[in-house]
Amino acid sequence: MPKKGKAKNTVNKAKHTKLINRKINKVKLEKELNKKRLKAIIKKANEQKNTES
């Protein structure tokens, strides 16, 4: 027989999913920012190399 009342773990599962998604998004954002920083550094270094030559 099914249980009566509200489902047992739905609140905790929802919180967990929310927190995990937040963590995943944070990691993606950090990776993206690092890529942008590296590209900017490489671009700047290439420009300096071109001006020196």
N, C-alpha and C. Protein backbone atom coordinates (compact mmCIF):
# COMPACT_ATOMS: atom_id res chain seq x y z
N MET A 1 0.83 -1.20 0.00
CA MET A 1 0.00 0.00 0.00
C MET A 1 0.87 1.26 0.00
N PRO A 2 0.48 2.26 -0.79
CA PRO A 2 1.26 3.49 -0.79
C PRO A 2 1.08 4.26 0.51
N LYS A 3 2.08 5.07 0.81
CA LYS A 3 2.02 5.88 2.03
C LYS A 3 1.04 7.02 1.85
N LYS A 4 0.47 7.42 2.95
CA LYS A 4 -0.43 8.56 2.92
C LYS A 4 0.34 9.80 3.34
N GLY A 5 -0.13 10.95 2.90
CA GLY A 5 0.55 12.20 3.24
C GLY A 5 1.55 12.58 2.17
N LYS A 6 2.40 13.55 2.51
CA LYS A 6 3.36 14.02 1.50
C LYS A 6 4.53 13.05 1.37
N ALA A 7 5.22 13.14 0.24
CA ALA A 7 6.35 12.26 -0.02
C ALA A 7 7.47 12.54 0.98
N LYS A 8 8.25 11.53 1.28
CA LYS A 8 9.20 11.59 2.39
C LYS A 8 10.37 12.55 2.16
N ASN A 9 11.13 12.37 1.09
CA ASN A 9 12.40 13.09 0.94
C ASN A 9 12.38 14.23 -0.07
N THR A 10 11.25 14.67 -0.50
CA THR A 10 11.23 15.63 -1.61
C THR A 10 11.91 16.94 -1.27
N VAL A 11 11.79 17.42 -0.04
CA VAL A 11 12.38 18.71 0.32
C VAL A 11 13.89 18.61 0.31
N ASN A 12 14.44 17.55 0.90
CA ASN A 12 15.89 17.39 0.94
C ASN A 12 16.46 17.17 -0.46
N LYS A 13 15.75 16.41 -1.28
CA LYS A 13 16.22 16.16 -2.64
C LYS A 13 16.24 17.46 -3.43
N ALA A 14 15.23 18.28 -3.25
CA ALA A 14 15.16 19.55 -3.97
C ALA A 14 16.29 20.47 -3.53
N LYS A 15 16.57 20.52 -2.23
CA LYS A 15 17.66 21.36 -1.74
C LYS A 15 18.99 20.86 -2.27
N HIS A 16 19.18 19.56 -2.24
CA HIS A 16 20.43 18.97 -2.70
C HIS A 16 20.65 19.27 -4.18
N THR A 17 19.61 19.09 -4.98
CA THR A 17 19.71 19.35 -6.41
C THR A 17 20.05 20.82 -6.65
N LYS A 18 19.41 21.70 -5.91
CA LYS A 18 19.65 23.13 -6.06
C LYS A 18 21.11 23.47 -5.74
N LEU A 19 21.62 22.91 -4.65
CA LEU A 19 23.00 23.19 -4.25
C LEU A 19 24.00 22.61 -5.24
N ILE A 20 23.75 21.40 -5.70
CA ILE A 20 24.65 20.76 -6.67
C ILE A 20 24.67 21.56 -7.97
N ASN A 21 23.51 22.00 -8.43
CA ASN A 21 23.44 22.80 -9.66
C ASN A 21 24.19 24.12 -9.49
N ARG A 22 24.07 24.72 -8.31
CA ARG A 22 24.77 25.96 -8.03
C ARG A 22 26.29 25.73 -8.11
N LYS A 23 26.74 24.61 -7.52
CA LYS A 23 28.16 24.27 -7.54
C LYS A 23 28.66 24.03 -8.96
N ILE A 24 27.89 23.29 -9.75
CA ILE A 24 28.27 22.98 -11.13
C ILE A 24 28.37 24.27 -11.93
N ASN A 25 27.39 25.17 -11.77
CA ASN A 25 27.40 26.44 -12.51
C ASN A 25 28.60 27.29 -12.11
N LYS A 26 28.96 27.26 -10.81
CA LYS A 26 30.11 28.03 -10.34
C LYS A 26 31.38 27.52 -11.00
N VAL A 27 31.55 26.21 -11.06
CA VAL A 27 32.74 25.61 -11.67
C VAL A 27 32.82 25.97 -13.15
N LYS A 28 31.68 25.88 -13.86
CA LYS A 28 31.66 26.24 -15.29
C LYS A 28 32.06 27.69 -15.49
N LEU A 29 31.52 28.57 -14.66
CA LEU A 29 31.81 29.99 -14.77
C LEU A 29 33.30 30.26 -14.52
N GLU A 30 33.87 29.60 -13.52
CA GLU A 30 35.29 29.79 -13.22
C GLU A 30 36.16 29.32 -14.37
N LYS A 31 35.82 28.17 -14.96
CA LYS A 31 36.58 27.67 -16.10
C LYS A 31 36.52 28.65 -17.26
N GLU A 32 35.34 29.18 -17.52
CA GLU A 32 35.15 30.13 -18.61
C GLU A 32 35.97 31.40 -18.38
N LEU A 33 35.95 31.90 -17.14
CA LEU A 33 36.72 33.11 -16.82
C LEU A 33 38.21 32.86 -16.97
N ASN A 34 38.68 31.69 -16.56
CA ASN A 34 40.10 31.36 -16.71
C ASN A 34 40.49 31.31 -18.19
N LYS A 35 39.63 30.74 -19.01
CA LYS A 35 39.91 30.69 -20.45
C LYS A 35 40.02 32.10 -21.02
N LYS A 36 39.10 32.97 -20.61
CA LYS A 36 39.12 34.35 -21.10
C LYS A 36 40.40 35.05 -20.67
N ARG A 37 40.80 34.86 -19.40
CA ARG A 37 42.02 35.48 -18.91
C ARG A 37 43.24 35.01 -19.69
N LEU A 38 43.31 33.69 -19.92
CA LEU A 38 44.44 33.14 -20.65
C LEU A 38 44.49 33.68 -22.08
N LYS A 39 43.33 33.76 -22.72
CA LYS A 39 43.28 34.29 -24.08
C LYS A 39 43.76 35.73 -24.10
N ALA A 40 43.36 36.52 -23.11
CA ALA A 40 43.78 37.92 -23.04
C ALA A 40 45.29 38.01 -22.84
N ILE A 41 45.84 37.16 -21.98
CA ILE A 41 47.28 37.18 -21.74
C ILE A 41 48.03 36.79 -23.00
N ILE A 42 47.56 35.76 -23.68
CA ILE A 42 48.21 35.30 -24.92
C ILE A 42 48.15 36.39 -25.99
N LYS A 43 46.99 37.03 -26.10
CA LYS A 43 46.82 38.09 -27.09
C LYS A 43 47.79 39.24 -26.81
N LYS A 44 47.89 39.62 -25.53
CA LYS A 44 48.78 40.71 -25.15
C LYS A 44 50.24 40.34 -25.44
N ALA A 45 50.62 39.11 -25.12
CA ALA A 45 51.99 38.65 -25.37
C ALA A 45 52.29 38.66 -26.86
N ASN A 46 51.35 38.21 -27.68
CA ASN A 46 51.54 38.21 -29.12
C ASN A 46 51.68 39.63 -29.68
N GLU A 47 50.88 40.55 -29.15
CA GLU A 47 50.98 41.93 -29.59
C GLU A 47 52.35 42.52 -29.25
N GLN A 48 52.84 42.23 -28.03
CA GLN A 48 54.16 42.71 -27.65
C GLN A 48 55.25 42.12 -28.53
N LYS A 49 55.12 40.84 -28.84
CA LYS A 49 56.09 40.17 -29.70
C LYS A 49 56.10 40.81 -31.09
N ASN A 50 54.91 41.14 -31.60
CA ASN A 50 54.80 41.75 -32.92
C ASN A 50 55.37 43.17 -32.94
N THR A 51 55.15 43.93 -31.89
CA THR A 51 55.65 45.30 -31.86
C THR A 51 57.16 45.33 -31.69
N GLU A 52 57.71 44.37 -30.97
CA GLU A 52 59.16 44.32 -30.78
C GLU A 52 59.90 43.94 -32.07
N SER A 53 59.29 43.09 -32.86
CA SER A 53 59.95 42.61 -34.10
C SER A 53 60.04 43.68 -35.15
